[in-house]
């Protein structure tokens, strides 16, 4: 009798652990699905609704070049310029066409923006920097 009661108690713990493991696994699967569905890890679209990653990189590169034309100021701006240029170069394809598309789109945005160009450029620089962070880049200037 004593053996049967002890076996039943141990069997109850085993069943409880199995149910707990299954519930934990299902909770983990649900959390993964919700994260994937909400697109937390990957952006749903590109900055300023650019059509491709190549044009997005060219757009952000054009933003940096508009803020600091022809100059190298070091720090944050150089890091951003280097990041977007390297990202654009890794895609291959027609780099000149991507640069043209990015600059044309930026020009269109600047032309239709009711405020000063500088305001749009600063907001665009902020959006591009946030996008670089999403892609895993870390600005040394901010560390």
C-alpha atoms as a PDB file:
ATOM      1  CA  UNK A   1       0.000   0.000   0.000  1.00  0.00           C
ATOM      2  CA  UNK A   2       2.712   2.427   0.951  1.00  0.00           C
ATOM      3  CA  UNK A   3       4.527   1.759  -2.303  1.00  0.00           C
ATOM      4  CA  UNK A   4       1.403   2.443  -4.353  1.00  0.00           C
ATOM      5  CA  UNK A   5       0.728   5.772  -2.627  1.00  0.00           C
ATOM      6  CA  UNK A   6       4.319   6.880  -3.121  1.00  0.00           C
ATOM      7  CA  UNK A   7       4.248   5.865  -6.792  1.00  0.00           C
ATOM      8  CA  UNK A   8       0.990   7.741  -7.257  1.00  0.00           C
ATOM      9  CA  UNK A   9       2.486  10.876  -5.700  1.00  0.00           C
ATOM     10  CA  UNK A  10       5.558  10.684  -7.922  1.00  0.00           C
ATOM     11  CA  UNK A  11       3.398  10.032 -10.965  1.00  0.00           C
ATOM     12  CA  UNK A  12       1.366  13.126 -10.102  1.00  0.00           C
ATOM     13  CA  UNK A  13       4.526  15.226 -10.007  1.00  0.00           C
ATOM     14  CA  UNK A  14       5.633  13.837 -13.346  1.00  0.00           C
ATOM     15  CA  UNK A  15       2.296  14.590 -14.945  1.00  0.00           C
ATOM     16  CA  UNK A  16       2.279  18.071 -13.428  1.00  0.00           C
ATOM     17  CA  UNK A  17       5.800  18.734 -14.750  1.00  0.00           C
ATOM     18  CA  UNK A  18       4.823  17.490 -18.207  1.00  0.00           C
ATOM     19  CA  UNK A  19       1.765  19.767 -18.288  1.00  0.00           C
ATOM     20  CA  UNK A  20       3.860  22.687 -17.058  1.00  0.00           C
ATOM     21  CA  UNK A  21       6.453  22.011 -19.795  1.00  0.00           C
ATOM     22  CA  UNK A  22       3.754  21.872 -22.483  1.00  0.00           C
ATOM     23  CA  UNK A  23       2.124  25.099 -21.258  1.00  0.00           C
ATOM     24  CA  UNK A  24       5.529  26.828 -21.125  1.00  0.00           C
ATOM     25  CA  UNK A  25       6.352  25.661 -24.635  1.00  0.00           C
ATOM     26  CA  UNK A  26       3.005  26.889 -25.961  1.00  0.00           C
ATOM     27  CA  UNK A  27       3.517  30.249 -24.236  1.00  0.00           C
ATOM     28  CA  UNK A  28       6.967  30.546 -25.824  1.00  0.00           C
ATOM     29  CA  UNK A  29       5.538  29.723 -29.260  1.00  0.00           C
ATOM     30  CA  UNK A  30       2.768  32.306 -28.747  1.00  0.00           C
ATOM     31  CA  UNK A  31       5.273  35.002 -27.742  1.00  0.00           C
ATOM     32  CA  UNK A  32       7.461  34.218 -30.751  1.00  0.00           C
ATOM     33  CA  UNK A  33       4.447  34.371 -33.067  1.00  0.00           C
ATOM     34  CA  UNK A  34       3.268  37.693 -31.601  1.00  0.00           C
ATOM     35  CA  UNK A  35       6.760  39.187 -31.982  1.00  0.00           C
ATOM     36  CA  UNK A  36       7.004  37.971 -35.568  1.00  0.00           C
ATOM     37  CA  UNK A  37       3.506  39.155 -36.383  1.00  0.00           C
ATOM     38  CA  UNK A  38       4.063  42.616 -34.916  1.00  0.00           C
ATOM     39  CA  UNK A  39       7.256  42.961 -36.972  1.00  0.00           C
ATOM     40  CA  UNK A  40       9.204  44.082 -33.906  1.00  0.00           C
ATOM     41  CA  UNK A  41      12.427  42.538 -35.180  1.00  0.00           C
ATOM     42  CA  UNK A  42      12.103  43.597 -38.807  1.00  0.00           C
ATOM     43  CA  UNK A  43      10.717  46.831 -40.203  1.00  0.00           C
ATOM     44  CA  UNK A  44       7.511  46.547 -42.199  1.00  0.00           C
ATOM     45  CA  UNK A  45       8.683  49.061 -44.777  1.00  0.00           C
ATOM     46  CA  UNK A  46      11.679  51.184 -45.559  1.00  0.00           C
ATOM     47  CA  UNK A  47      12.378  54.743 -44.423  1.00  0.00           C
ATOM     48  CA  UNK A  48      10.103  57.308 -46.094  1.00  0.00           C
ATOM     49  CA  UNK A  49       8.439  54.526 -48.116  1.00  0.00           C
ATOM     50  CA  UNK A  50      11.450  53.980 -50.333  1.00  0.00           C
ATOM     51  CA  UNK A  51      10.792  51.020 -52.648  1.00  0.00           C
ATOM     52  CA  UNK A  52      13.883  48.915 -51.850  1.00  0.00           C
ATOM     53  CA  UNK A  53      16.699  48.627 -49.340  1.00  0.00           C
ATOM     54  CA  UNK A  54      19.087  49.956 -51.979  1.00  0.00           C
ATOM     55  CA  UNK A  55      17.074  53.138 -52.461  1.00  0.00           C
ATOM     56  CA  UNK A  56      16.639  53.444 -48.692  1.00  0.00           C
ATOM     57  CA  UNK A  57      20.429  53.357 -48.260  1.00  0.00           C
ATOM     58  CA  UNK A  58      20.850  55.882 -51.079  1.00  0.00           C
ATOM     59  CA  UNK A  59      18.179  58.144 -49.566  1.00  0.00           C
ATOM     60  CA  UNK A  60      19.844  58.132 -46.152  1.00  0.00           C
ATOM     61  CA  UNK A  61      23.234  58.689 -47.751  1.00  0.00           C
ATOM     62  CA  UNK A  62      21.775  61.674 -49.632  1.00  0.00           C
ATOM     63  CA  UNK A  63      20.406  63.033 -46.338  1.00  0.00           C
ATOM     64  CA  UNK A  64      23.841  62.903 -44.714  1.00  0.00           C
ATOM     65  CA  UNK A  65      25.418  64.535 -47.760  1.00  0.00           C
ATOM     66  CA  UNK A  66      22.833  67.326 -47.705  1.00  0.00           C
ATOM     67  CA  UNK A  67      23.502  68.002 -44.026  1.00  0.00           C
ATOM     68  CA  UNK A  68      27.287  68.007 -44.477  1.00  0.00           C
ATOM     69  CA  UNK A  69      27.941  68.735 -48.172  1.00  0.00           C
ATOM     70  CA  UNK A  70      31.461  68.019 -49.339  1.00  0.00           C
ATOM     71  CA  UNK A  71      32.856  67.879 -45.870  1.00  0.00           C
ATOM     72  CA  UNK A  72      34.104  65.409 -43.379  1.00  0.00           C
ATOM     73  CA  UNK A  73      33.252  66.504 -39.887  1.00  0.00           C
ATOM     74  CA  UNK A  74      34.097  63.301 -38.047  1.00  0.00           C
ATOM     75  CA  UNK A  75      31.989  61.632 -35.428  1.00  0.00           C
ATOM     76  CA  UNK A  76      28.326  60.948 -35.935  1.00  0.00           C
ATOM     77  CA  UNK A  77      27.923  62.265 -39.489  1.00  0.00           C
ATOM     78  CA  UNK A  78      30.956  60.397 -40.804  1.00  0.00           C
ATOM     79  CA  UNK A  79      29.811  57.202 -39.132  1.00  0.00           C
ATOM     80  CA  UNK A  80      26.342  57.556 -40.655  1.00  0.00           C
ATOM     81  CA  UNK A  81      27.774  58.297 -44.092  1.00  0.00           C
ATOM     82  CA  UNK A  82      30.136  55.316 -43.899  1.00  0.00           C
ATOM     83  CA  UNK A  83      27.355  52.997 -42.742  1.00  0.00           C
ATOM     84  CA  UNK A  84      24.935  53.930 -45.535  1.00  0.00           C
ATOM     85  CA  UNK A  85      27.639  53.924 -48.212  1.00  0.00           C
ATOM     86  CA  UNK A  86      28.870  50.465 -47.180  1.00  0.00           C
ATOM     87  CA  UNK A  87      25.307  49.205 -47.011  1.00  0.00           C
ATOM     88  CA  UNK A  88      24.591  50.541 -50.487  1.00  0.00           C
ATOM     89  CA  UNK A  89      27.771  48.996 -51.876  1.00  0.00           C
ATOM     90  CA  UNK A  90      26.964  45.531 -50.473  1.00  0.00           C
ATOM     91  CA  UNK A  91      23.794  45.259 -52.534  1.00  0.00           C
ATOM     92  CA  UNK A  92      25.569  45.311 -55.858  1.00  0.00           C
ATOM     93  CA  UNK A  93      23.559  46.151 -58.921  1.00  0.00           C
ATOM     94  CA  UNK A  94      23.391  49.599 -60.467  1.00  0.00           C
ATOM     95  CA  UNK A  95      24.671  51.870 -57.720  1.00  0.00           C
ATOM     96  CA  UNK A  96      24.314  55.028 -59.815  1.00  0.00           C
ATOM     97  CA  UNK A  97      20.623  54.305 -60.436  1.00  0.00           C
ATOM     98  CA  UNK A  98      20.012  53.697 -56.726  1.00  0.00           C
ATOM     99  CA  UNK A  99      21.818  56.928 -55.809  1.00  0.00           C
ATOM    100  CA  UNK A 100      19.777  58.831 -58.394  1.00  0.00           C
ATOM    101  CA  UNK A 101      16.516  57.394 -57.073  1.00  0.00           C
ATOM    102  CA  UNK A 102      17.433  58.205 -53.467  1.00  0.00           C
ATOM    103  CA  UNK A 103      18.464  61.770 -54.293  1.00  0.00           C
ATOM    104  CA  UNK A 104      15.394  62.323 -56.482  1.00  0.00           C
ATOM    105  CA  UNK A 105      13.081  61.112 -53.731  1.00  0.00           C
ATOM    106  CA  UNK A 106      14.815  63.326 -51.172  1.00  0.00           C
ATOM    107  CA  UNK A 107      14.531  66.296 -53.557  1.00  0.00           C
ATOM    108  CA  UNK A 108      10.815  65.611 -53.959  1.00  0.00           C
ATOM    109  CA  UNK A 109      10.337  65.495 -50.198  1.00  0.00           C
ATOM    110  CA  UNK A 110      12.262  68.730 -49.697  1.00  0.00           C
ATOM    111  CA  UNK A 111      10.255  70.450 -52.444  1.00  0.00           C
ATOM    112  CA  UNK A 112       6.888  69.492 -50.926  1.00  0.00           C
ATOM    113  CA  UNK A 113       7.801  70.075 -47.286  1.00  0.00           C
ATOM    114  CA  UNK A 114       6.205  73.352 -46.125  1.00  0.00           C
ATOM    115  CA  UNK A 115       8.955  74.239 -43.656  1.00  0.00           C
ATOM    116  CA  UNK A 116      12.666  74.898 -44.010  1.00  0.00           C
ATOM    117  CA  UNK A 117      14.784  72.193 -45.624  1.00  0.00           C
ATOM    118  CA  UNK A 118      16.905  71.979 -42.499  1.00  0.00           C
ATOM    119  CA  UNK A 119      13.937  70.770 -40.434  1.00  0.00           C
ATOM    120  CA  UNK A 120      13.157  67.963 -42.897  1.00  0.00           C
ATOM    121  CA  UNK A 121      16.820  66.984 -43.091  1.00  0.00           C
ATOM    122  CA  UNK A 122      17.190  66.784 -39.312  1.00  0.00           C
ATOM    123  CA  UNK A 123      14.036  64.659 -39.027  1.00  0.00           C
ATOM    124  CA  UNK A 124      15.220  62.482 -41.903  1.00  0.00           C
ATOM    125  CA  UNK A 125      18.644  62.108 -40.281  1.00  0.00           C
ATOM    126  CA  UNK A 126      16.952  61.010 -37.079  1.00  0.00           C
ATOM    127  CA  UNK A 127      14.811  58.451 -38.946  1.00  0.00           C
ATOM    128  CA  UNK A 128      17.823  57.137 -40.872  1.00  0.00           C
ATOM    129  CA  UNK A 129      19.880  56.860 -37.690  1.00  0.00           C
ATOM    130  CA  UNK A 130      17.096  54.948 -35.984  1.00  0.00           C
ATOM    131  CA  UNK A 131      16.920  52.653 -38.988  1.00  0.00           C
ATOM    132  CA  UNK A 132      20.676  52.071 -38.802  1.00  0.00           C
ATOM    133  CA  UNK A 133      20.185  51.048 -35.164  1.00  0.00           C
ATOM    134  CA  UNK A 134      17.445  48.613 -36.227  1.00  0.00           C
ATOM    135  CA  UNK A 135      19.927  47.106 -38.683  1.00  0.00           C
ATOM    136  CA  UNK A 136      22.365  46.582 -35.813  1.00  0.00           C
ATOM    137  CA  UNK A 137      24.745  49.504 -36.283  1.00  0.00           C
ATOM    138  CA  UNK A 138      26.117  51.203 -33.177  1.00  0.00           C
ATOM    139  CA  UNK A 139      27.356  54.775 -33.405  1.00  0.00           C
ATOM    140  CA  UNK A 140      30.652  55.105 -31.572  1.00  0.00           C
ATOM    141  CA  UNK A 141      30.010  58.834 -31.207  1.00  0.00           C
ATOM    142  CA  UNK A 142      27.157  58.088 -28.808  1.00  0.00           C
ATOM    143  CA  UNK A 143      28.942  55.560 -26.620  1.00  0.00           C
END
